[in-house]
Amino acid sequence: LACGTAFELRRMRRDVAAKETTTALLKRLARSPQ
């Protein structure tokens, strides 16, 4: 159970990081004049 929980936490952290990266990219694109 401890191994499974650690794996889930790692996966959730990776998903959050991916969302943050996508959000930052979209904001940068929205600010870009071209």
PDB file of all heavy atoms in Angstrom:
ATOM      1  N   LEU A   1       0.830  -1.205   0.000  1.00  0.00           N
ATOM      2  CA  LEU A   1       0.000   0.000   0.000  1.00  0.00           C
ATOM      3  C   LEU A   1       0.863   1.253   0.000  1.00  0.00           C
ATOM      4  O   LEU A   1       0.565   2.222  -0.695  1.00  0.00           O
ATOM      5  CB  LEU A   1      -0.925   0.005   1.225  1.00  0.00           C
ATOM      6  CG  LEU A   1      -2.087  -0.979   1.197  1.00  0.00           C
ATOM      7  CD1 LEU A   1      -2.819  -0.949   2.539  1.00  0.00           C
ATOM      8  CD2 LEU A   1      -3.049  -0.660   0.066  1.00  0.00           C
ATOM      9  N   ALA A   2       1.941   1.229   0.770  1.00  0.00           N
ATOM     10  CA  ALA A   2       2.827   2.390   0.834  1.00  0.00           C
ATOM     11  C   ALA A   2       3.467   2.640  -0.530  1.00  0.00           C
ATOM     12  O   ALA A   2       3.560   3.781  -0.979  1.00  0.00           O
ATOM     13  CB  ALA A   2       3.899   2.172   1.900  1.00  0.00           C
ATOM     14  N   CYS A   3       3.892   1.581  -1.211  1.00  0.00           N
ATOM     15  CA  CYS A   3       4.487   1.728  -2.544  1.00  0.00           C
ATOM     16  C   CYS A   3       3.452   2.280  -3.528  1.00  0.00           C
ATOM     17  O   CYS A   3       3.763   3.154  -4.329  1.00  0.00           O
ATOM     18  CB  CYS A   3       5.011   0.387  -3.050  1.00  0.00           C
ATOM     19  SG  CYS A   3       6.543  -0.102  -2.258  1.00  0.00           S
ATOM     20  N   GLY A   4       2.249   1.772  -3.475  1.00  0.00           N
ATOM     21  CA  GLY A   4       1.189   2.240  -4.363  1.00  0.00           C
ATOM     22  C   GLY A   4       0.858   3.708  -4.119  1.00  0.00           C
ATOM     23  O   GLY A   4       0.679   4.481  -5.054  1.00  0.00           O
ATOM     24  N   THR A   5       0.835   4.106  -2.858  1.00  0.00           N
ATOM     25  CA  THR A   5       0.537   5.497  -2.519  1.00  0.00           C
ATOM     26  C   THR A   5       1.648   6.409  -3.013  1.00  0.00           C
ATOM     27  O   THR A   5       1.385   7.474  -3.576  1.00  0.00           O
ATOM     28  CB  THR A   5       0.367   5.648  -0.992  1.00  0.00           C
ATOM     29  OG1 THR A   5      -0.662   4.756  -0.569  1.00  0.00           O
ATOM     30  CG2 THR A   5      -0.023   7.048  -0.624  1.00  0.00           C
ATOM     31  N   ALA A   6       2.895   5.997  -2.827  1.00  0.00           N
ATOM     32  CA  ALA A   6       4.028   6.805  -3.295  1.00  0.00           C
ATOM     33  C   ALA A   6       3.976   6.957  -4.811  1.00  0.00           C
ATOM     34  O   ALA A   6       4.231   8.037  -5.349  1.00  0.00           O
ATOM     35  CB  ALA A   6       5.344   6.158  -2.865  1.00  0.00           C
ATOM     36  N   PHE A   7       3.626   5.880  -5.500  1.00  0.00           N
ATOM     37  CA  PHE A   7       3.529   5.937  -6.962  1.00  0.00           C
ATOM     38  C   PHE A   7       2.428   6.899  -7.391  1.00  0.00           C
ATOM     39  O   PHE A   7       2.613   7.701  -8.302  1.00  0.00           O
ATOM     40  CB  PHE A   7       3.256   4.530  -7.514  1.00  0.00           C
ATOM     41  CG  PHE A   7       3.066   4.507  -8.995  1.00  0.00           C
ATOM     42  CD1 PHE A   7       4.145   4.610  -9.846  1.00  0.00           C
ATOM     43  CD2 PHE A   7       1.792   4.388  -9.540  1.00  0.00           C
ATOM     44  CE1 PHE A   7       3.961   4.601 -11.218  1.00  0.00           C
ATOM     45  CE2 PHE A   7       1.606   4.375 -10.910  1.00  0.00           C
ATOM     46  CZ  PHE A   7       2.693   4.478 -11.748  1.00  0.00           C
ATOM     47  N   GLU A   8       1.276   6.832  -6.716  1.00  0.00           N
ATOM     48  CA  GLU A   8       0.156   7.734  -7.042  1.00  0.00           C
ATOM     49  C   GLU A   8       0.537   9.190  -6.797  1.00  0.00           C
ATOM     50  O   GLU A   8       0.223  10.060  -7.599  1.00  0.00           O
ATOM     51  CB  GLU A   8      -1.077   7.378  -6.205  1.00  0.00           C
ATOM     52  CG  GLU A   8      -1.814   6.166  -6.713  1.00  0.00           C
ATOM     53  CD  GLU A   8      -2.383   6.364  -8.100  1.00  0.00           C
ATOM     54  OE1 GLU A   8      -2.980   7.423  -8.359  1.00  0.00           O
ATOM     55  OE2 GLU A   8      -2.228   5.464  -8.929  1.00  0.00           O
ATOM     56  N   LEU A   9       1.218   9.459  -5.685  1.00  0.00           N
ATOM     57  CA  LEU A   9       1.631  10.834  -5.384  1.00  0.00           C
ATOM     58  C   LEU A   9       2.587  11.356  -6.442  1.00  0.00           C
ATOM     59  O   LEU A   9       2.488  12.495  -6.874  1.00  0.00           O
ATOM     60  CB  LEU A   9       2.300  10.888  -4.007  1.00  0.00           C
ATOM     61  CG  LEU A   9       1.355  10.802  -2.817  1.00  0.00           C
ATOM     62  CD1 LEU A   9       2.154  10.696  -1.522  1.00  0.00           C
ATOM     63  CD2 LEU A   9       0.436  12.004  -2.761  1.00  0.00           C
ATOM     64  N   ARG A  10       3.513  10.504  -6.879  1.00  0.00           N
ATOM     65  CA  ARG A  10       4.470  10.908  -7.905  1.00  0.00           C
ATOM     66  C   ARG A  10       3.740  11.219  -9.214  1.00  0.00           C
ATOM     67  O   ARG A  10       4.031  12.186  -9.895  1.00  0.00           O
ATOM     68  CB  ARG A  10       5.494   9.782  -8.111  1.00  0.00           C
ATOM     69  CG  ARG A  10       6.761  10.262  -8.759  1.00  0.00           C
ATOM     70  CD  ARG A  10       7.814   9.166  -8.865  1.00  0.00           C
ATOM     71  NE  ARG A  10       7.906   8.343  -7.660  1.00  0.00           N
ATOM     72  CZ  ARG A  10       7.880   7.019  -7.651  1.00  0.00           C
ATOM     73  NH1 ARG A  10       7.749   6.347  -8.772  1.00  0.00           N
ATOM     74  NH2 ARG A  10       7.978   6.354  -6.520  1.00  0.00           N
ATOM     75  N   ARG A  11       2.754  10.380  -9.542  1.00  0.00           N
ATOM     76  CA  ARG A  11       1.993  10.582 -10.783  1.00  0.00           C
ATOM     77  C   ARG A  11       1.171  11.871 -10.709  1.00  0.00           C
ATOM     78  O   ARG A  11       1.110  12.643 -11.669  1.00  0.00           O
ATOM     79  CB  ARG A  11       1.072   9.390 -11.024  1.00  0.00           C
ATOM     80  CG  ARG A  11       0.421   9.382 -12.392  1.00  0.00           C
ATOM     81  CD  ARG A  11      -0.289   8.081 -12.647  1.00  0.00           C
ATOM     82  NE  ARG A  11      -1.368   7.871 -11.713  1.00  0.00           N
ATOM     83  CZ  ARG A  11      -2.641   8.174 -11.951  1.00  0.00           C
ATOM     84  NH1 ARG A  11      -2.988   8.696 -13.091  1.00  0.00           N
ATOM     85  NH2 ARG A  11      -3.557   7.948 -11.052  1.00  0.00           N
ATOM     86  N   MET A  12       0.567  12.130  -9.552  1.00  0.00           N
ATOM     87  CA  MET A  12      -0.222  13.351  -9.385  1.00  0.00           C
ATOM     88  C   MET A  12       0.660  14.588  -9.494  1.00  0.00           C
ATOM     89  O   MET A  12       0.285  15.575 -10.113  1.00  0.00           O
ATOM     90  CB  MET A  12      -0.924  13.339  -8.017  1.00  0.00           C
ATOM     91  CG  MET A  12      -2.131  12.419  -7.969  1.00  0.00           C
ATOM     92  SD  MET A  12      -2.736  12.153  -6.293  1.00  0.00           S
ATOM     93  CE  MET A  12      -3.036  13.815  -5.761  1.00  0.00           C
ATOM     94  N   ARG A  13       1.868  14.517  -8.908  1.00  0.00           N
ATOM     95  CA  ARG A  13       2.792  15.641  -8.980  1.00  0.00           C
ATOM     96  C   ARG A  13       3.195  15.915 -10.422  1.00  0.00           C
ATOM     97  O   ARG A  13       3.289  17.058 -10.846  1.00  0.00           O
ATOM     98  CB  ARG A  13       4.045  15.341  -8.138  1.00  0.00           C
ATOM     99  CG  ARG A  13       4.231  16.334  -7.026  1.00  0.00           C
ATOM    100  CD  ARG A  13       5.483  16.074  -6.225  1.00  0.00           C
ATOM    101  NE  ARG A  13       5.190  15.199  -5.102  1.00  0.00           N
ATOM    102  CZ  ARG A  13       5.898  14.120  -4.788  1.00  0.00           C
ATOM    103  NH1 ARG A  13       6.942  13.775  -5.471  1.00  0.00           N
ATOM    104  NH2 ARG A  13       5.546  13.392  -3.770  1.00  0.00           N
ATOM    105  N   ARG A  14       3.424  14.841 -11.175  1.00  0.00           N
ATOM    106  CA  ARG A  14       3.813  14.991 -12.580  1.00  0.00           C
ATOM    107  C   ARG A  14       2.663  15.601 -13.386  1.00  0.00           C
ATOM    108  O   ARG A  14       2.885  16.476 -14.228  1.00  0.00           O
ATOM    109  CB  ARG A  14       4.198  13.624 -13.145  1.00  0.00           C
ATOM    110  CG  ARG A  14       4.930  13.699 -14.455  1.00  0.00           C
ATOM    111  CD  ARG A  14       5.429  12.343 -14.896  1.00  0.00           C
ATOM    112  NE  ARG A  14       4.316  11.420 -15.029  1.00  0.00           N
ATOM    113  CZ  ARG A  14       4.314  10.174 -14.573  1.00  0.00           C
ATOM    114  NH1 ARG A  14       5.347   9.681 -13.966  1.00  0.00           N
ATOM    115  NH2 ARG A  14       3.252   9.417 -14.736  1.00  0.00           N
ATOM    116  N   ASP A  15       1.433  15.180 -13.110  1.00  0.00           N
ATOM    117  CA  ASP A  15       0.264  15.741 -13.808  1.00  0.00           C
ATOM    118  C   ASP A  15       0.114  17.231 -13.513  1.00  0.00           C
ATOM    119  O   ASP A  15      -0.168  18.021 -14.404  1.00  0.00           O
ATOM    120  CB  ASP A  15      -1.018  15.005 -13.392  1.00  0.00           C
ATOM    121  CG  ASP A  15      -1.081  13.591 -13.953  1.00  0.00           C
ATOM    122  OD1 ASP A  15      -0.257  13.263 -14.827  1.00  0.00           O
ATOM    123  OD2 ASP A  15      -1.956  12.831 -13.515  1.00  0.00           O
ATOM    124  N   VAL A  16       0.306  17.617 -12.246  1.00  0.00           N
ATOM    125  CA  VAL A  16       0.196  19.023 -11.869  1.00  0.00           C
ATOM    126  C   VAL A  16       1.273  19.835 -12.568  1.00  0.00           C
ATOM    127  O   VAL A  16       1.010  20.917 -13.082  1.00  0.00           O
ATOM    128  CB  VAL A  16       0.293  19.178 -10.326  1.00  0.00           C
ATOM    129  CG1 VAL A  16       0.474  20.628  -9.937  1.00  0.00           C
ATOM    130  CG2 VAL A  16      -0.955  18.603  -9.679  1.00  0.00           C
ATOM    131  N   ALA A  17       2.494  19.316 -12.620  1.00  0.00           N
ATOM    132  CA  ALA A  17       3.589  20.030 -13.294  1.00  0.00           C
ATOM    133  C   ALA A  17       3.274  20.203 -14.776  1.00  0.00           C
ATOM    134  O   ALA A  17       3.536  21.263 -15.348  1.00  0.00           O
ATOM    135  CB  ALA A  17       4.896  19.268 -13.105  1.00  0.00           C
ATOM    136  N   ALA A  18       2.702  19.184 -15.400  1.00  0.00           N
ATOM    137  CA  ALA A  18       2.352  19.278 -16.824  1.00  0.00           C
ATOM    138  C   ALA A  18       1.277  20.335 -17.041  1.00  0.00           C
ATOM    139  O   ALA A  18       1.344  21.111 -18.006  1.00  0.00           O
ATOM    140  CB  ALA A  18       1.883  17.918 -17.336  1.00  0.00           C
ATOM    141  N   LYS A  19       0.297  20.396 -16.155  1.00  0.00           N
ATOM    142  CA  LYS A  19      -0.764  21.409 -16.283  1.00  0.00           C
ATOM    143  C   LYS A  19      -0.201  22.816 -16.128  1.00  0.00           C
ATOM    144  O   LYS A  19      -0.583  23.725 -16.850  1.00  0.00           O
ATOM    145  CB  LYS A  19      -1.844  21.171 -15.226  1.00  0.00           C
ATOM    146  CG  LYS A  19      -2.789  20.055 -15.578  1.00  0.00           C
ATOM    147  CD  LYS A  19      -3.846  19.905 -14.507  1.00  0.00           C
ATOM    148  CE  LYS A  19      -4.602  18.613 -14.706  1.00  0.00           C
ATOM    149  NZ  LYS A  19      -5.287  18.180 -13.506  1.00  0.00           N
ATOM    150  N   GLU A  20       0.718  22.980 -15.158  1.00  0.00           N
ATOM    151  CA  GLU A  20       1.321  24.297 -14.940  1.00  0.00           C
ATOM    152  C   GLU A  20       2.121  24.726 -16.165  1.00  0.00           C
ATOM    153  O   GLU A  20       2.076  25.891 -16.564  1.00  0.00           O
ATOM    154  CB  GLU A  20       2.200  24.269 -13.692  1.00  0.00           C
ATOM    155  CG  GLU A  20       1.395  24.200 -12.410  1.00  0.00           C
ATOM    156  CD  GLU A  20       2.254  24.021 -11.178  1.00  0.00           C
ATOM    157  OE1 GLU A  20       3.487  23.858 -11.325  1.00  0.00           O
ATOM    158  OE2 GLU A  20       1.700  24.049 -10.079  1.00  0.00           O
ATOM    159  N   THR A  21       2.845  23.803 -16.749  1.00  0.00           N
ATOM    160  CA  THR A  21       3.631  24.105 -17.943  1.00  0.00           C
ATOM    161  C   THR A  21       2.719  24.505 -19.090  1.00  0.00           C
ATOM    162  O   THR A  21       2.972  25.480 -19.799  1.00  0.00           O
ATOM    163  CB  THR A  21       4.486  22.882 -18.354  1.00  0.00           C
ATOM    164  OG1 THR A  21       5.304  22.515 -17.245  1.00  0.00           O
ATOM    165  CG2 THR A  21       5.356  23.186 -19.546  1.00  0.00           C
ATOM    166  N   THR A  22       1.635  23.766 -19.272  1.00  0.00           N
ATOM    167  CA  THR A  22       0.675  24.076 -20.342  1.00  0.00           C
ATOM    168  C   THR A  22       0.041  25.444 -20.123  1.00  0.00           C
ATOM    169  O   THR A  22      -0.084  26.239 -21.054  1.00  0.00           O
ATOM    170  CB  THR A  22      -0.422  22.992 -20.395  1.00  0.00           C
ATOM    171  OG1 THR A  22       0.205  21.728 -20.585  1.00  0.00           O
ATOM    172  CG2 THR A  22      -1.384  23.245 -21.530  1.00  0.00           C
ATOM    173  N   THR A  23      -0.321  25.735 -18.883  1.00  0.00           N
ATOM    174  CA  THR A  23      -0.934  27.033 -18.573  1.00  0.00           C
ATOM    175  C   THR A  23       0.041  28.168 -18.864  1.00  0.00           C
ATOM    176  O   THR A  23      -0.338  29.177 -19.462  1.00  0.00           O
ATOM    177  CB  THR A  23      -1.358  27.079 -17.091  1.00  0.00           C
ATOM    178  OG1 THR A  23      -2.244  25.990 -16.850  1.00  0.00           O
ATOM    179  CG2 THR A  23      -2.064  28.358 -16.756  1.00  0.00           C
ATOM    180  N   ALA A  24       1.303  28.004 -18.466  1.00  0.00           N
ATOM    181  CA  ALA A  24       2.307  29.039 -18.715  1.00  0.00           C
ATOM    182  C   ALA A  24       2.503  29.247 -20.215  1.00  0.00           C
ATOM    183  O   ALA A  24       2.624  30.379 -20.690  1.00  0.00           O
ATOM    184  CB  ALA A  24       3.624  28.654 -18.050  1.00  0.00           C
ATOM    185  N   LEU A  25       2.511  28.156 -20.961  1.00  0.00           N
ATOM    186  CA  LEU A  25       2.679  28.244 -22.413  1.00  0.00           C
ATOM    187  C   LEU A  25       1.503  28.974 -23.056  1.00  0.00           C
ATOM    188  O   LEU A  25       1.684  29.846 -23.905  1.00  0.00           O
ATOM    189  CB  LEU A  25       2.826  26.837 -23.010  1.00  0.00           C
ATOM    190  CG  LEU A  25       3.053  26.750 -24.513  1.00  0.00           C
ATOM    191  CD1 LEU A  25       4.368  27.409 -24.879  1.00  0.00           C
ATOM    192  CD2 LEU A  25       3.042  25.309 -24.958  1.00  0.00           C
ATOM    193  N   LEU A  26       0.296  28.652 -22.632  1.00  0.00           N
ATOM    194  CA  LEU A  26      -0.895  29.316 -23.178  1.00  0.00           C
ATOM    195  C   LEU A  26      -0.903  30.810 -22.850  1.00  0.00           C
ATOM    196  O   LEU A  26      -1.260  31.632 -23.691  1.00  0.00           O
ATOM    197  CB  LEU A  26      -2.171  28.653 -22.644  1.00  0.00           C
ATOM    198  CG  LEU A  26      -2.457  27.259 -23.201  1.00  0.00           C
ATOM    199  CD1 LEU A  26      -3.645  26.640 -22.473  1.00  0.00           C
ATOM    200  CD2 LEU A  26      -2.723  27.308 -24.691  1.00  0.00           C
ATOM    201  N   LYS A  27      -0.490  31.151 -21.642  1.00  0.00           N
ATOM    202  CA  LYS A  27      -0.433  32.568 -21.274  1.00  0.00           C
ATOM    203  C   LYS A  27       0.585  33.301 -22.132  1.00  0.00           C
ATOM    204  O   LYS A  27       0.345  34.424 -22.565  1.00  0.00           O
ATOM    205  CB  LYS A  27      -0.075  32.715 -19.788  1.00  0.00           C
ATOM    206  CG  LYS A  27      -1.222  32.403 -18.862  1.00  0.00           C
ATOM    207  CD  LYS A  27      -0.805  32.589 -17.419  1.00  0.00           C
ATOM    208  CE  LYS A  27      -1.960  32.255 -16.489  1.00  0.00           C
ATOM    209  NZ  LYS A  27      -1.567  32.333 -15.088  1.00  0.00           N
ATOM    210  N   ARG A  28       1.724  32.665 -22.363  1.00  0.00           N
ATOM    211  CA  ARG A  28       2.763  33.295 -23.183  1.00  0.00           C
ATOM    212  C   ARG A  28       2.265  33.482 -24.617  1.00  0.00           C
ATOM    213  O   ARG A  28       2.499  34.514 -25.234  1.00  0.00           O
ATOM    214  CB  ARG A  28       4.038  32.458 -23.155  1.00  0.00           C
ATOM    215  CG  ARG A  28       5.243  33.220 -23.650  1.00  0.00           C
ATOM    216  CD  ARG A  28       6.520  32.487 -23.370  1.00  0.00           C
ATOM    217  NE  ARG A  28       6.570  31.292 -24.197  1.00  0.00           N
ATOM    218  CZ  ARG A  28       7.258  30.204 -23.906  1.00  0.00           C
ATOM    219  NH1 ARG A  28       7.937  30.149 -22.789  1.00  0.00           N
ATOM    220  NH2 ARG A  28       7.264  29.180 -24.711  1.00  0.00           N
ATOM    221  N   LEU A  29       1.560  32.492 -25.120  1.00  0.00           N
ATOM    222  CA  LEU A  29       1.014  32.598 -26.479  1.00  0.00           C
ATOM    223  C   LEU A  29      -0.048  33.695 -26.564  1.00  0.00           C
ATOM    224  O   LEU A  29      -0.132  34.409 -27.545  1.00  0.00           O
ATOM    225  CB  LEU A  29       0.402  31.258 -26.925  1.00  0.00           C
ATOM    226  CG  LEU A  29       1.397  30.170 -27.288  1.00  0.00           C
ATOM    227  CD1 LEU A  29       0.654  28.856 -27.533  1.00  0.00           C
ATOM    228  CD2 LEU A  29       2.211  30.537 -28.512  1.00  0.00           C
ATOM    229  N   ALA A  30      -0.837  33.841 -25.514  1.00  0.00           N
ATOM    230  CA  ALA A  30      -1.882  34.863 -25.501  1.00  0.00           C
ATOM    231  C   ALA A  30      -1.281  36.266 -25.488  1.00  0.00           C
ATOM    232  O   ALA A  30      -1.823  37.187 -26.064  1.00  0.00           O
ATOM    233  CB  ALA A  30      -2.787  34.672 -24.285  1.00  0.00           C
ATOM    234  N   ARG A  31      -0.111  36.407 -24.835  1.00  0.00           N
ATOM    235  CA  ARG A  31       0.542  37.712 -24.782  1.00  0.00           C
ATOM    236  C   ARG A  31       1.287  38.038 -26.073  1.00  0.00           C
ATOM    237  O   ARG A  31       1.544  39.198 -26.363  1.00  0.00           O
ATOM    238  CB  ARG A  31       1.541  37.749 -23.629  1.00  0.00           C
ATOM    239  CG  ARG A  31       0.897  37.949 -22.284  1.00  0.00           C
ATOM    240  CD  ARG A  31       1.958  38.184 -21.257  1.00  0.00           C
ATOM    241  NE  ARG A  31       2.906  37.063 -21.304  1.00  0.00           N
ATOM    242  CZ  ARG A  31       3.449  36.483 -20.265  1.00  0.00           C
ATOM    243  NH1 ARG A  31       3.167  36.916 -19.066  1.00  0.00           N
ATOM    244  NH2 ARG A  31       4.271  35.476 -20.388  1.00  0.00           N
ATOM    245  N   SER A  32       1.664  37.012 -26.818  1.00  0.00           N
ATOM    246  CA  SER A  32       2.457  37.213 -28.034  1.00  0.00           C
ATOM    247  C   SER A  32       1.617  37.941 -29.096  1.00  0.00           C
ATOM    248  O   SER A  32       0.518  37.503 -29.408  1.00  0.00           O
ATOM    249  CB  SER A  32       2.922  35.865 -28.568  1.00  0.00           C
ATOM    250  OG  SER A  32       3.546  36.033 -29.816  1.00  0.00           O
ATOM    251  N   PRO A  33       2.140  39.029 -29.666  1.00  0.00           N
ATOM    252  CA  PRO A  33       1.354  39.769 -30.667  1.00  0.00           C
ATOM    253  C   PRO A  33       1.116  38.980 -31.946  1.00  0.00           C
ATOM    254  O   PRO A  33       0.078  39.114 -32.576  1.00  0.00           O
ATOM    255  CB  PRO A  33       2.212  41.010 -30.938  1.00  0.00           C
ATOM    256  CG  PRO A  33       3.570  40.671 -30.472  1.00  0.00           C
ATOM    257  CD  PRO A  33       3.408  39.642 -29.388  1.00  0.00           C
ATOM    258  N   GLN A  34       2.045  38.134 -32.312  1.00  0.00           N
ATOM    259  CA  GLN A  34       1.899  37.338 -33.539  1.00  0.00           C
ATOM    260  C   GLN A  34       1.169  36.023 -33.292  1.00  0.00           C
ATOM    261  O   GLN A  34       0.749  35.362 -34.228  1.00  0.00           O
ATOM    262  CB  GLN A  34       3.282  37.027 -34.146  1.00  0.00           C
ATOM    263  CG  GLN A  34       4.051  38.264 -34.561  1.00  0.00           C
ATOM    264  CD  GLN A  34       3.326  39.031 -35.675  1.00  0.00           C
ATOM    265  OE1 GLN A  34       2.662  38.434 -36.503  1.00  0.00           O
ATOM    266  NE2 GLN A  34       3.454  40.343 -35.652  1.00  0.00           N
TER     267      GLN A  34
END
